[in-house]
Amino acid sequence: MRQALVRYYKKMVPAGVHNAFRDLWTELKIARIVLASTPKFKALCGKRELRIHLGCKEDIKLGWINIDLKAKPPVIGKGAAPGTAFINHDLRRGLPVEERSCALIYSSHFFEHLNYGNAVALLRECYRALQPGGVFRAALPDFTGVFQAYLSGDVDYFKLPGTFALLPQLKPGTKTLVRLH
């Protein structure tokens, strides 16, 4: 019976309407996640010198507030460094931390996944959240360089140098924000 209804639905409902309902359902689920993140952001009220990691994926930075939208959010163990947290939140809806509360905001290969309007709005939010002298650092792909290297056959462009080749002053084993991938 269910399969017959699905076949009937697919025949009768235009693909555009089906896609619109699917997108609406997805946005409703995201809205529930955002609502559930509110207490974690409220717990940050009054705190200063925050270190925020936007669009963290699986890269949970110890001592940081790691923010991303995940179907299955990571669990931060009780043995994690103080200040380590993961907040499941849709950054298209802003960065709900207090003004001038962040010492550092970092993002690696996240902003290119936002549309222009959402990216600009989030950058404004980051500026609002940074304390005077705070640092915003973002890693973004160099699409122009990649396309030019590809078209010219520059194979060496795609060879990744090691962190210690780029930063020879570092001692082996040093953890950095530099990620080469």
Protein backbone atom coordinates (compact mmCIF):
# COMPACT_ATOMS: atom_id res chain seq x y z
CA MET A 1 0.00 0.00 0.00
CA ARG A 2 2.77 2.44 1.00
CA GLN A 3 4.71 1.80 -2.22
CA ALA A 4 1.58 2.46 -4.27
CA LEU A 5 1.07 5.78 -2.48
CA VAL A 6 4.70 6.77 -3.11
CA ARG A 7 4.36 5.95 -6.83
CA TYR A 8 1.10 7.92 -7.00
CA TYR A 9 2.70 10.85 -5.17
CA LYS A 10 5.69 10.90 -7.54
CA LYS A 11 3.37 10.89 -10.58
CA MET A 12 1.00 13.57 -9.31
CA VAL A 13 3.31 16.01 -7.53
CA PRO A 14 5.67 18.02 -9.77
CA ALA A 15 9.38 17.68 -8.96
CA GLY A 16 9.63 21.38 -8.06
CA VAL A 17 6.90 21.04 -5.44
CA HIS A 18 8.49 17.87 -4.09
CA ASN A 19 11.87 19.63 -3.80
CA ALA A 20 10.27 22.65 -2.11
CA PHE A 21 8.63 20.41 0.52
CA ARG A 22 11.90 18.55 1.07
CA ASP A 23 13.77 21.84 1.52
CA LEU A 24 11.08 23.15 3.88
CA TRP A 25 11.29 19.96 5.95
CA THR A 26 15.09 20.30 6.13
CA GLU A 27 14.82 23.94 7.25
CA LEU A 28 12.29 22.97 9.94
CA LYS A 29 14.71 20.36 11.30
CA ILE A 30 17.50 22.96 11.27
CA ALA A 31 15.26 25.43 13.13
CA ARG A 32 14.80 22.83 15.90
CA ILE A 33 18.59 22.42 16.15
CA VAL A 34 19.07 26.20 16.36
CA LEU A 35 16.45 26.43 19.09
CA ALA A 36 18.19 23.66 21.02
CA SER A 37 21.54 25.54 20.79
CA THR A 38 20.15 28.59 22.63
CA PRO A 39 21.03 27.40 26.18
CA LYS A 40 24.65 26.76 25.19
CA PHE A 41 24.98 30.28 23.80
CA LYS A 42 23.26 31.73 26.89
CA ALA A 43 25.86 29.94 29.04
CA LEU A 44 28.53 32.05 27.28
CA CYS A 45 26.94 35.33 28.41
CA GLY A 46 29.36 37.42 30.43
CA LYS A 47 32.38 35.44 29.26
CA ARG A 48 35.24 37.19 27.52
CA GLU A 49 38.35 36.08 25.60
CA LEU A 50 36.31 33.43 23.77
CA ARG A 51 37.98 31.45 21.02
CA ILE A 52 35.43 30.49 18.38
CA HIS A 53 35.94 27.89 15.64
CA LEU A 54 33.34 28.34 12.88
CA GLY A 55 32.34 25.40 10.68
CA CYS A 56 34.58 23.01 12.61
CA LYS A 57 33.41 19.74 11.00
CA GLU A 58 35.20 16.95 12.93
CA ASP A 59 38.13 19.21 13.89
CA ILE A 60 37.26 19.91 17.52
CA LYS A 61 39.81 22.34 18.94
CA LEU A 62 40.50 21.91 22.63
CA GLY A 63 39.77 25.00 24.70
CA TRP A 64 37.62 26.45 21.92
CA ILE A 65 33.90 26.91 21.27
CA ASN A 66 33.48 24.76 18.15
CA ILE A 67 30.39 25.54 16.08
CA ASP A 68 28.91 23.62 13.15
CA LEU A 69 25.61 22.18 11.97
CA LYS A 70 25.72 18.38 12.27
CA ALA A 71 23.10 15.66 12.05
CA LYS A 72 25.12 13.73 14.66
CA PRO A 73 27.03 16.23 16.81
CA PRO A 74 30.26 15.07 18.46
CA VAL A 75 30.27 14.42 22.18
CA ILE A 76 32.87 16.35 24.14
CA GLY A 77 34.18 14.16 26.93
CA LYS A 78 34.49 15.35 30.52
CA GLY A 79 38.26 14.99 30.25
CA ALA A 80 38.49 17.61 27.48
CA ALA A 81 40.42 20.82 28.07
CA PRO A 82 38.53 23.52 29.99
CA GLY A 83 36.48 25.74 27.71
CA THR A 84 36.07 23.06 25.04
CA ALA A 85 32.53 22.93 23.70
CA PHE A 86 30.62 21.99 20.59
CA ILE A 87 27.50 23.96 19.70
CA ASN A 88 25.25 22.52 17.02
CA HIS A 89 24.11 25.68 15.24
CA ASP A 90 23.28 27.00 11.79
CA LEU A 91 25.70 29.88 11.25
CA ARG A 92 23.46 31.25 8.48
CA ARG A 93 21.39 32.49 11.42
CA GLY A 94 24.25 34.47 12.91
CA LEU A 95 26.70 34.14 15.76
CA PRO A 96 24.70 34.66 18.96
CA VAL A 97 27.51 35.68 21.30
CA GLU A 98 27.84 38.99 23.09
CA GLU A 99 29.39 41.99 21.43
CA ARG A 100 33.17 42.21 21.95
CA SER A 101 33.35 38.81 23.66
CA CYS A 102 35.76 37.02 21.32
CA ALA A 103 39.55 37.18 21.34
CA LEU A 104 39.86 34.93 18.29
CA ILE A 105 37.49 33.69 15.60
CA TYR A 106 38.85 31.05 13.22
CA SER A 107 37.40 29.28 10.21
CA SER A 108 38.95 26.87 7.74
CA HIS A 109 37.22 26.13 4.45
CA PHE A 110 33.76 27.04 5.68
CA PHE A 111 32.86 30.43 4.21
CA GLU A 112 33.00 29.20 0.63
CA HIS A 113 29.99 26.96 1.43
CA LEU A 114 27.78 29.96 2.25
CA ASN A 115 25.98 32.07 -0.29
CA TYR A 116 27.25 35.63 -0.63
CA GLY A 117 24.54 37.24 1.53
CA ASN A 118 24.94 34.75 4.37
CA ALA A 119 28.75 35.03 4.24
CA VAL A 120 28.68 38.84 4.45
CA ALA A 121 26.14 38.73 7.29
CA LEU A 122 28.30 36.25 9.24
CA LEU A 123 31.42 38.36 8.68
CA ARG A 124 29.54 41.34 10.15
CA GLU A 125 28.56 39.19 13.12
CA CYS A 126 32.19 38.18 13.60
CA TYR A 127 33.27 41.83 13.54
CA ARG A 128 30.59 42.65 16.14
CA ALA A 129 31.71 39.76 18.37
CA LEU A 130 35.44 40.52 18.24
CA GLN A 131 36.88 42.45 21.15
CA PRO A 132 39.20 45.37 20.34
CA GLY A 133 42.46 43.86 19.12
CA GLY A 134 40.75 40.52 18.51
CA VAL A 135 41.81 38.35 15.59
CA PHE A 136 39.70 36.94 12.79
CA ARG A 137 41.48 34.30 10.73
CA ALA A 138 39.97 32.40 7.81
CA ALA A 139 41.42 29.90 5.36
CA LEU A 140 39.77 29.90 1.95
CA PRO A 141 40.62 28.06 -1.25
CA ASP A 142 42.41 29.95 -4.01
CA PHE A 143 40.14 28.93 -6.88
CA THR A 144 41.85 31.25 -9.37
CA GLY A 145 45.25 29.73 -8.59
CA VAL A 146 43.89 26.19 -8.82
CA PHE A 147 42.26 26.81 -12.21
CA GLN A 148 45.32 28.58 -13.60
CA ALA A 149 47.62 25.76 -12.44
CA TYR A 150 45.29 23.14 -13.91
CA LEU A 151 45.01 24.90 -17.26
CA SER A 152 48.76 25.47 -17.51
CA GLY A 153 49.61 21.91 -16.40
CA ASP A 154 51.51 23.12 -13.30
CA VAL A 155 51.63 19.81 -11.39
CA ASP A 156 53.90 21.25 -8.67
CA TYR A 157 51.12 23.64 -7.61
CA PHE A 158 49.15 20.67 -6.29
CA LYS A 159 51.99 19.22 -4.19
CA LEU A 160 51.39 20.13 -0.56
CA PRO A 161 54.36 21.28 1.48
CA GLY A 162 54.59 20.12 5.08
CA THR A 163 53.83 22.49 7.95
CA PHE A 164 57.47 22.42 9.06
CA ALA A 165 58.69 23.31 5.55
CA LEU A 166 56.51 26.42 5.66
CA LEU A 167 57.26 27.22 9.32
CA PRO A 168 60.82 26.00 9.98
CA GLN A 169 60.95 27.79 13.35
CA LEU A 170 58.44 25.29 14.80
CA LYS A 171 59.65 22.32 16.78
CA PRO A 172 58.34 18.90 15.65
CA GLY A 173 55.16 17.97 17.52
CA THR A 174 54.00 21.59 17.87
CA LYS A 175 50.24 21.97 17.35
CA THR A 176 49.27 24.88 15.12
CA LEU A 177 46.21 26.31 13.46
CA VAL A 178 47.91 25.66 10.12
CA ARG A 179 46.24 22.81 8.29
CA LEU A 180 47.35 21.78 4.85
CA HIS A 181 44.91 19.68 2.88
